[in-house]
Amino acid sequence: MTAHVLMLSSSRQGDEAYLEHARALIFAHLGEIRDLLFVPYAAVTQTYDSYVDAVATALPECKVTGLHSVEDPVAAVNNAKKNGQAIVVGGGNTFHLLSTLYANALIVPIKHAIADCTPYIGWSAGSNICGQSIRTTNDMPIIEPPSFDALDIVPFQLNPHYTDYQPPGHNGETRDQRLAEFTTLNPTTPVVAIREGTALRLTHNQLTLVGEKDGFIFLGEEKTSIHSGDDLTYLLDSGE
């Protein structure tokens, strides 16, 4: 597989404008491509059209086409590389995103497009679906997809928007406790937790953490720090 995938933790960092922190990473990943086939299916409380408009405003250098607006979404995905497009999947609710991808028979076409080196960029939910499943999303299960199985572009789990902050007086489970629940039941499956403002980049069969903040790998009972620029390619063998 010659995947060229950018998995951003979030669309915002701190109080910056929408996608502002990610622009340099996005354009470096796109190269000369400026035509985006945008998948807005994670949106729930905003319309797909308004989601497309928000991305187009944040990336005015690009032509942004909403996948929901084309007559044949499967054909659009299949022809994205030939048409000089990158596939971009935005954040929102991961369950709604995955359910809609299944409903439109898009899981396999997107996997094939990525394997054929069609550039892919996701943030938040759009990154979460790059893992084996969506079982380590932070989102509420507002809809039940046919399966939790996702694109399986990387053979591990992702946890975008990772934070280890615990508000004073808050007695709910921490993120680490939630991820420990997963790794207790799935002790051989890594979970890569990435903070807002960072991303995982997969290109030329090399996986790297990019951004200015550290992340973590949760595996079994272990929590291991990873640092910006770290070569994480060994994780691509974790599913074997």
C-alpha atoms as a PDB file:
ATOM      1  CA  MET A   1       0.000   0.000   0.000  1.00  0.00           C
ATOM      2  CA  THR A   2       1.364   3.430  -0.969  1.00  0.00           C
ATOM      3  CA  ALA A   3      -0.874   5.503   1.287  1.00  0.00           C
ATOM      4  CA  HIS A   4      -0.360   9.258   1.558  1.00  0.00           C
ATOM      5  CA  VAL A   5      -2.421  10.164   4.618  1.00  0.00           C
ATOM      6  CA  LEU A   6      -2.470  13.101   7.038  1.00  0.00           C
ATOM      7  CA  MET A   7      -4.376  12.438  10.274  1.00  0.00           C
ATOM      8  CA  LEU A   8      -4.885  15.725  12.125  1.00  0.00           C
ATOM      9  CA  SER A   9      -6.029  15.625  15.726  1.00  0.00           C
ATOM     10  CA  SER A  10      -8.307  18.638  15.363  1.00  0.00           C
ATOM     11  CA  SER A  11      -9.524  21.454  13.134  1.00  0.00           C
ATOM     12  CA  ARG A  12      -8.523  24.066  15.703  1.00  0.00           C
ATOM     13  CA  GLN A  13      -5.729  24.649  18.172  1.00  0.00           C
ATOM     14  CA  GLY A  14      -6.453  26.920  21.118  1.00  0.00           C
ATOM     15  CA  ASP A  15      -8.306  30.028  20.006  1.00  0.00           C
ATOM     16  CA  GLU A  16      -6.919  30.037  16.455  1.00  0.00           C
ATOM     17  CA  ALA A  17      -9.215  30.307  13.448  1.00  0.00           C
ATOM     18  CA  TYR A  18     -10.674  27.228  11.816  1.00  0.00           C
ATOM     19  CA  LEU A  19      -7.881  25.068  10.291  1.00  0.00           C
ATOM     20  CA  GLU A  20      -5.387  27.904  10.786  1.00  0.00           C
ATOM     21  CA  HIS A  21      -2.840  25.787  12.621  1.00  0.00           C
ATOM     22  CA  ALA A  22      -3.152  23.020  10.035  1.00  0.00           C
ATOM     23  CA  ARG A  23      -2.694  25.038   6.848  1.00  0.00           C
ATOM     24  CA  ALA A  24       1.052  24.446   6.522  1.00  0.00           C
ATOM     25  CA  LEU A  25       0.645  20.716   7.091  1.00  0.00           C
ATOM     26  CA  ILE A  26      -2.300  20.514   4.705  1.00  0.00           C
ATOM     27  CA  PHE A  27      -0.568  22.283   1.827  1.00  0.00           C
ATOM     28  CA  ALA A  28       2.670  20.393   2.342  1.00  0.00           C
ATOM     29  CA  HIS A  29       0.651  17.175   2.137  1.00  0.00           C
ATOM     30  CA  LEU A  30      -1.289  18.274  -0.944  1.00  0.00           C
ATOM     31  CA  GLY A  31       1.747  19.300  -2.961  1.00  0.00           C
ATOM     32  CA  GLU A  32       0.382  20.904  -6.125  1.00  0.00           C
ATOM     33  CA  ILE A  33      -3.167  19.606  -5.645  1.00  0.00           C
ATOM     34  CA  ARG A  34      -5.770  22.284  -4.976  1.00  0.00           C
ATOM     35  CA  ASP A  35      -8.950  20.327  -5.748  1.00  0.00           C
ATOM     36  CA  LEU A  36     -10.553  18.742  -2.680  1.00  0.00           C
ATOM     37  CA  LEU A  37     -13.301  16.131  -2.579  1.00  0.00           C
ATOM     38  CA  PHE A  38     -14.690  16.880   0.863  1.00  0.00           C
ATOM     39  CA  VAL A  39     -16.671  14.369   2.931  1.00  0.00           C
ATOM     40  CA  PRO A  40     -18.970  16.322   5.315  1.00  0.00           C
ATOM     41  CA  TYR A  41     -20.807  13.330   6.781  1.00  0.00           C
ATOM     42  CA  ALA A  42     -19.595  13.892  10.347  1.00  0.00           C
ATOM     43  CA  ALA A  43     -21.720  17.041  10.507  1.00  0.00           C
ATOM     44  CA  VAL A  44     -24.915  16.712  12.523  1.00  0.00           C
ATOM     45  CA  THR A  45     -25.976  20.139  13.802  1.00  0.00           C
ATOM     46  CA  GLN A  46     -24.873  22.005  10.677  1.00  0.00           C
ATOM     47  CA  THR A  47     -25.801  21.358   7.071  1.00  0.00           C
ATOM     48  CA  TYR A  48     -23.381  19.657   4.723  1.00  0.00           C
ATOM     49  CA  ASP A  49     -23.415  22.747   2.496  1.00  0.00           C
ATOM     50  CA  SER A  50     -22.420  25.030   5.363  1.00  0.00           C
ATOM     51  CA  TYR A  51     -19.643  22.613   6.300  1.00  0.00           C
ATOM     52  CA  VAL A  52     -18.266  22.764   2.763  1.00  0.00           C
ATOM     53  CA  ASP A  53     -18.459  26.559   2.885  1.00  0.00           C
ATOM     54  CA  ALA A  54     -16.493  26.640   6.152  1.00  0.00           C
ATOM     55  CA  VAL A  55     -13.697  24.530   4.677  1.00  0.00           C
ATOM     56  CA  ALA A  56     -13.646  26.597   1.490  1.00  0.00           C
ATOM     57  CA  THR A  57     -13.360  29.773   3.545  1.00  0.00           C
ATOM     58  CA  ALA A  58     -10.505  28.348   5.604  1.00  0.00           C
ATOM     59  CA  LEU A  59      -8.695  27.099   2.478  1.00  0.00           C
ATOM     60  CA  PRO A  60      -9.480  29.757  -0.158  1.00  0.00           C
ATOM     61  CA  GLU A  61      -6.658  28.510  -2.376  1.00  0.00           C
ATOM     62  CA  CYS A  62      -8.616  25.299  -2.950  1.00  0.00           C
ATOM     63  CA  LYS A  63     -11.698  24.222  -4.856  1.00  0.00           C
ATOM     64  CA  VAL A  64     -13.851  22.286  -2.372  1.00  0.00           C
ATOM     65  CA  THR A  65     -16.528  19.915  -3.664  1.00  0.00           C
ATOM     66  CA  GLY A  66     -18.859  18.266  -1.153  1.00  0.00           C
ATOM     67  CA  LEU A  67     -19.202  14.546  -1.758  1.00  0.00           C
ATOM     68  CA  HIS A  68     -22.893  14.831  -0.826  1.00  0.00           C
ATOM     69  CA  SER A  69     -23.473  17.112  -3.817  1.00  0.00           C
ATOM     70  CA  VAL A  70     -22.280  14.755  -6.551  1.00  0.00           C
ATOM     71  CA  GLU A  71     -24.607  12.411  -8.401  1.00  0.00           C
ATOM     72  CA  ASP A  72     -22.509   9.292  -7.806  1.00  0.00           C
ATOM     73  CA  PRO A  73     -20.351   9.469  -4.661  1.00  0.00           C
ATOM     74  CA  VAL A  74     -18.736   6.082  -5.269  1.00  0.00           C
ATOM     75  CA  ALA A  75     -17.655   7.088  -8.766  1.00  0.00           C
ATOM     76  CA  ALA A  76     -16.381  10.410  -7.440  1.00  0.00           C
ATOM     77  CA  VAL A  77     -14.153   8.622  -4.921  1.00  0.00           C
ATOM     78  CA  ASN A  78     -13.014   6.085  -7.503  1.00  0.00           C
ATOM     79  CA  ASN A  79     -12.067   8.860  -9.924  1.00  0.00           C
ATOM     80  CA  ALA A  80     -10.552  11.289  -7.415  1.00  0.00           C
ATOM     81  CA  LYS A  81      -6.948  10.480  -8.292  1.00  0.00           C
ATOM     82  CA  LYS A  82      -7.624  10.649 -12.032  1.00  0.00           C
ATOM     83  CA  ASN A  83      -9.345  13.992 -11.500  1.00  0.00           C
ATOM     84  CA  GLY A  84      -6.409  15.386  -9.538  1.00  0.00           C
ATOM     85  CA  GLN A  85      -8.320  15.531  -6.271  1.00  0.00           C
ATOM     86  CA  ALA A  86      -7.451  14.783  -2.667  1.00  0.00           C
ATOM     87  CA  ILE A  87     -10.023  13.184  -0.387  1.00  0.00           C
ATOM     88  CA  VAL A  88     -10.624  15.249   2.752  1.00  0.00           C
ATOM     89  CA  VAL A  89     -12.807  14.102   5.644  1.00  0.00           C
ATOM     90  CA  GLY A  90     -13.830  16.590   8.319  1.00  0.00           C
ATOM     91  CA  GLY A  91     -14.581  16.136  11.988  1.00  0.00           C
ATOM     92  CA  GLY A  92     -17.842  16.041  13.871  1.00  0.00           C
ATOM     93  CA  ASN A  93     -19.536  12.911  15.123  1.00  0.00           C
ATOM     94  CA  THR A  94     -17.570   9.777  14.265  1.00  0.00           C
ATOM     95  CA  PHE A  95     -20.563   7.461  14.554  1.00  0.00           C
ATOM     96  CA  HIS A  96     -22.582   9.562  12.118  1.00  0.00           C
ATOM     97  CA  LEU A  97     -19.630   9.746   9.740  1.00  0.00           C
ATOM     98  CA  LEU A  98     -19.024   6.000   9.700  1.00  0.00           C
ATOM     99  CA  SER A  99     -22.719   5.160   9.495  1.00  0.00           C
ATOM    100  CA  THR A 100     -23.143   7.415   6.457  1.00  0.00           C
ATOM    101  CA  LEU A 101     -20.057   5.990   4.766  1.00  0.00           C
ATOM    102  CA  TYR A 102     -21.521   2.506   5.166  1.00  0.00           C
ATOM    103  CA  ALA A 103     -24.945   3.640   3.972  1.00  0.00           C
ATOM    104  CA  ASN A 104     -23.404   5.026   0.791  1.00  0.00           C
ATOM    105  CA  ALA A 105     -21.136   1.985   0.220  1.00  0.00           C
ATOM    106  CA  LEU A 106     -18.045   4.181   0.468  1.00  0.00           C
ATOM    107  CA  ILE A 107     -15.810   2.263   2.877  1.00  0.00           C
ATOM    108  CA  VAL A 108     -14.217   0.009   0.271  1.00  0.00           C
ATOM    109  CA  PRO A 109     -13.875   2.703  -2.435  1.00  0.00           C
ATOM    110  CA  ILE A 110     -12.117   5.067   0.000  1.00  0.00           C
ATOM    111  CA  LYS A 111      -9.800   2.263   1.143  1.00  0.00           C
ATOM    112  CA  HIS A 112      -8.956   1.443  -2.465  1.00  0.00           C
ATOM    113  CA  ALA A 113      -8.406   5.113  -3.334  1.00  0.00           C
ATOM    114  CA  ILE A 114      -6.001   5.538  -0.420  1.00  0.00           C
ATOM    115  CA  ALA A 115      -4.167   2.342  -1.329  1.00  0.00           C
ATOM    116  CA  ASP A 116      -3.786   3.764  -4.847  1.00  0.00           C
ATOM    117  CA  CYS A 117      -2.049   6.834  -3.349  1.00  0.00           C
ATOM    118  CA  THR A 118      -4.948   9.279  -3.606  1.00  0.00           C
ATOM    119  CA  PRO A 119      -3.965  11.899  -1.000  1.00  0.00           C
ATOM    120  CA  TYR A 120      -6.151  11.754   2.097  1.00  0.00           C
ATOM    121  CA  ILE A 121      -6.508  14.343   4.847  1.00  0.00           C
ATOM    122  CA  GLY A 122      -8.712  13.928   7.889  1.00  0.00           C
ATOM    123  CA  TRP A 123      -9.192  15.762  11.137  1.00  0.00           C
ATOM    124  CA  SER A 124     -10.832  14.567  14.333  1.00  0.00           C
ATOM    125  CA  ALA A 125     -13.481  12.053  13.197  1.00  0.00           C
ATOM    126  CA  GLY A 126     -11.876  12.033   9.752  1.00  0.00           C
ATOM    127  CA  SER A 127      -8.673  10.819  11.386  1.00  0.00           C
ATOM    128  CA  ASN A 128     -10.394   8.426  13.761  1.00  0.00           C
ATOM    129  CA  ILE A 129     -11.753   6.374  10.871  1.00  0.00           C
ATOM    130  CA  CYS A 130      -8.216   5.749   9.602  1.00  0.00           C
ATOM    131  CA  GLY A 131      -7.681   3.250  12.412  1.00  0.00           C
ATOM    132  CA  GLN A 132      -8.918  -0.298  12.729  1.00  0.00           C
ATOM    133  CA  SER A 133     -12.179   0.808  14.313  1.00  0.00           C
ATOM    134  CA  ILE A 134     -13.853   3.805  15.936  1.00  0.00           C
ATOM    135  CA  ARG A 135     -13.901   2.213  19.392  1.00  0.00           C
ATOM    136  CA  THR A 136     -11.575   4.880  20.822  1.00  0.00           C
ATOM    137  CA  THR A 137     -13.460   7.918  19.579  1.00  0.00           C
ATOM    138  CA  ASN A 138     -14.501  10.541  22.131  1.00  0.00           C
ATOM    139  CA  ASP A 139     -17.940  10.947  20.567  1.00  0.00           C
ATOM    140  CA  MET A 140     -21.403  10.035  21.754  1.00  0.00           C
ATOM    141  CA  PRO A 141     -22.913   7.082  19.841  1.00  0.00           C
ATOM    142  CA  ILE A 142     -25.888   9.025  18.477  1.00  0.00           C
ATOM    143  CA  ILE A 143     -26.416   6.521  15.658  1.00  0.00           C
ATOM    144  CA  GLU A 144     -25.463   2.870  15.258  1.00  0.00           C
ATOM    145  CA  PRO A 145     -23.360   2.070  12.191  1.00  0.00           C
ATOM    146  CA  PRO A 146     -23.501  -1.482  10.803  1.00  0.00           C
ATOM    147  CA  SER A 147     -20.035  -2.041  12.255  1.00  0.00           C
ATOM    148  CA  PHE A 148     -17.449  -0.155  14.284  1.00  0.00           C
ATOM    149  CA  ASP A 149     -14.826  -1.341  11.777  1.00  0.00           C
ATOM    150  CA  ALA A 150     -13.283   1.633   9.995  1.00  0.00           C
ATOM    151  CA  LEU A 151     -10.884   2.167   7.073  1.00  0.00           C
ATOM    152  CA  ASP A 152      -8.027   0.245   8.730  1.00  0.00           C
ATOM    153  CA  ILE A 153      -5.411   2.345   6.950  1.00  0.00           C
ATOM    154  CA  VAL A 154      -3.223   2.003  10.018  1.00  0.00           C
ATOM    155  CA  PRO A 155      -3.375  -1.213  12.092  1.00  0.00           C
ATOM    156  CA  PHE A 156      -4.034   0.473  15.414  1.00  0.00           C
ATOM    157  CA  GLN A 157      -6.523   2.741  17.150  1.00  0.00           C
ATOM    158  CA  LEU A 158      -6.475   6.542  17.223  1.00  0.00           C
ATOM    159  CA  ASN A 159      -7.617   8.934  19.899  1.00  0.00           C
ATOM    160  CA  PRO A 160      -7.692  12.507  18.531  1.00  0.00           C
ATOM    161  CA  HIS A 161      -8.198  15.539  20.806  1.00  0.00           C
ATOM    162  CA  TYR A 162      -6.229  13.702  23.475  1.00  0.00           C
ATOM    163  CA  THR A 163      -5.967  15.505  26.790  1.00  0.00           C
ATOM    164  CA  ASP A 164      -4.840  14.479  30.244  1.00  0.00           C
ATOM    165  CA  TYR A 165      -6.361  17.561  31.877  1.00  0.00           C
ATOM    166  CA  GLN A 166      -8.766  16.838  34.712  1.00  0.00           C
ATOM    167  CA  PRO A 167     -10.953  19.798  35.721  1.00  0.00           C
ATOM    168  CA  PRO A 168     -10.905  20.439  39.466  1.00  0.00           C
ATOM    169  CA  GLY A 169     -13.927  18.897  41.130  1.00  0.00           C
ATOM    170  CA  HIS A 170     -14.821  16.732  38.113  1.00  0.00           C
ATOM    171  CA  ASN A 171     -15.381  13.121  39.130  1.00  0.00           C
ATOM    172  CA  GLY A 172     -15.954  11.486  35.762  1.00  0.00           C
ATOM    173  CA  GLU A 173     -13.406   9.167  34.193  1.00  0.00           C
ATOM    174  CA  THR A 174     -10.285  10.717  32.714  1.00  0.00           C
ATOM    175  CA  ARG A 175      -9.298  10.086  29.106  1.00  0.00           C
ATOM    176  CA  ASP A 176      -6.530   7.796  30.336  1.00  0.00           C
ATOM    177  CA  GLN A 177      -9.047   5.755  32.285  1.00  0.00           C
ATOM    178  CA  ARG A 178     -11.290   5.442  29.244  1.00  0.00           C
ATOM    179  CA  LEU A 179      -8.388   4.320  27.067  1.00  0.00           C
ATOM    180  CA  ALA A 180      -7.294   1.889  29.782  1.00  0.00           C
ATOM    181  CA  GLU A 181     -10.714   0.274  29.513  1.00  0.00           C
ATOM    182  CA  PHE A 182     -10.031  -0.385  25.837  1.00  0.00           C
ATOM    183  CA  THR A 183      -6.495  -1.662  26.327  1.00  0.00           C
ATOM    184  CA  THR A 184      -7.600  -3.920  29.181  1.00  0.00           C
ATOM    185  CA  LEU A 185      -9.946  -5.744  26.816  1.00  0.00           C
ATOM    186  CA  ASN A 186      -7.617  -5.376  23.801  1.00  0.00           C
ATOM    187  CA  PRO A 187      -4.111  -5.616  25.318  1.00  0.00           C
ATOM    188  CA  THR A 188      -2.291  -6.214  22.015  1.00  0.00           C
ATOM    189  CA  THR A 189      -3.835  -3.298  20.112  1.00  0.00           C
ATOM    190  CA  PRO A 190      -1.996   0.051  20.384  1.00  0.00           C
ATOM    191  CA  VAL A 191      -3.926   3.280  20.795  1.00  0.00           C
ATOM    192  CA  VAL A 192      -2.112   6.363  19.505  1.00  0.00           C
ATOM    193  CA  ALA A 193      -3.348   9.454  21.335  1.00  0.00           C
ATOM    194  CA  ILE A 194      -2.583  12.777  19.642  1.00  0.00           C
ATOM    195  CA  ARG A 195      -3.079  16.211  21.118  1.00  0.00           C
ATOM    196  CA  GLU A 196      -4.795  19.111  19.377  1.00  0.00           C
ATOM    197  CA  GLY A 197      -2.393  20.852  17.023  1.00  0.00           C
ATOM    198  CA  THR A 198      -0.574  17.637  16.106  1.00  0.00           C
ATOM    199  CA  ALA A 199      -1.015  14.953  13.481  1.00  0.00           C
ATOM    200  CA  LEU A 200       0.149  11.594  12.264  1.00  0.00           C
ATOM    201  CA  ARG A 201       1.615  11.624   8.756  1.00  0.00           C
ATOM    202  CA  LEU A 202       1.823   8.440   6.715  1.00  0.00           C
ATOM    203  CA  THR A 203       3.759   8.727   3.461  1.00  0.00           C
ATOM    204  CA  HIS A 204       6.310   6.577   1.626  1.00  0.00           C
ATOM    205  CA  ASN A 205       5.448   3.804   4.107  1.00  0.00           C
ATOM    206  CA  GLN A 206       6.754   5.936   6.979  1.00  0.00           C
ATOM    207  CA  LEU A 207       4.627   7.050   9.923  1.00  0.00           C
ATOM    208  CA  THR A 208       5.612  10.197  11.830  1.00  0.00           C
ATOM    209  CA  LEU A 209       4.178  12.379  14.587  1.00  0.00           C
ATOM    210  CA  VAL A 210       4.183  16.018  13.501  1.00  0.00           C
ATOM    211  CA  GLY A 211       3.413  19.174  15.458  1.00  0.00           C
ATOM    212  CA  GLU A 212       4.809  20.815  18.567  1.00  0.00           C
ATOM    213  CA  LYS A 213       3.294  18.597  21.266  1.00  0.00           C
ATOM    214  CA  ASP A 214       3.999  15.109  22.498  1.00  0.00           C
ATOM    215  CA  GLY A 215       1.542  12.255  22.152  1.00  0.00           C
ATOM    216  CA  PHE A 216       1.197   8.856  23.760  1.00  0.00           C
ATOM    217  CA  ILE A 217       0.903   5.210  22.866  1.00  0.00           C
ATOM    218  CA  PHE A 218      -1.327   3.135  25.117  1.00  0.00           C
ATOM    219  CA  LEU A 219      -0.623  -0.592  24.901  1.00  0.00           C
ATOM    220  CA  GLY A 220      -1.767  -3.057  27.516  1.00  0.00           C
ATOM    221  CA  GLU A 221      -0.911  -1.487  30.864  1.00  0.00           C
ATOM    222  CA  GLU A 222       1.786   0.760  29.401  1.00  0.00           C
ATOM    223  CA  LYS A 223       1.595   4.444  28.442  1.00  0.00           C
ATOM    224  CA  THR A 224       4.590   5.596  26.383  1.00  0.00           C
ATOM    225  CA  SER A 225       5.400   9.158  25.330  1.00  0.00           C
ATOM    226  CA  ILE A 226       6.043   9.926  21.669  1.00  0.00           C
ATOM    227  CA  HIS A 227       7.598  13.137  20.427  1.00  0.00           C
ATOM    228  CA  SER A 228       7.312  15.366  17.387  1.00  0.00           C
ATOM    229  CA  GLY A 229       9.380  13.933  14.559  1.00  0.00           C
ATOM    230  CA  ASP A 230       9.439  10.432  16.028  1.00  0.00           C
ATOM    231  CA  ASP A 231       9.491   7.633  13.479  1.00  0.00           C
ATOM    232  CA  LEU A 232       6.511   5.447  14.374  1.00  0.00           C
ATOM    233  CA  THR A 233       6.751   3.196  11.339  1.00  0.00           C
ATOM    234  CA  TYR A 234       7.083   0.140  13.566  1.00  0.00           C
ATOM    235  CA  LEU A 235       3.424   0.589  14.479  1.00  0.00           C
ATOM    236  CA  LEU A 236       2.467  -0.334  10.911  1.00  0.00           C
ATOM    237  CA  ASP A 237       3.402  -3.897  11.814  1.00  0.00           C
ATOM    238  CA  SER A 238       1.298  -3.933  14.980  1.00  0.00           C
ATOM    239  CA  GLY A 239      -1.611  -5.692  13.298  1.00  0.00           C
ATOM    240  CA  GLU A 240       0.437  -8.653  12.159  1.00  0.00           C
END
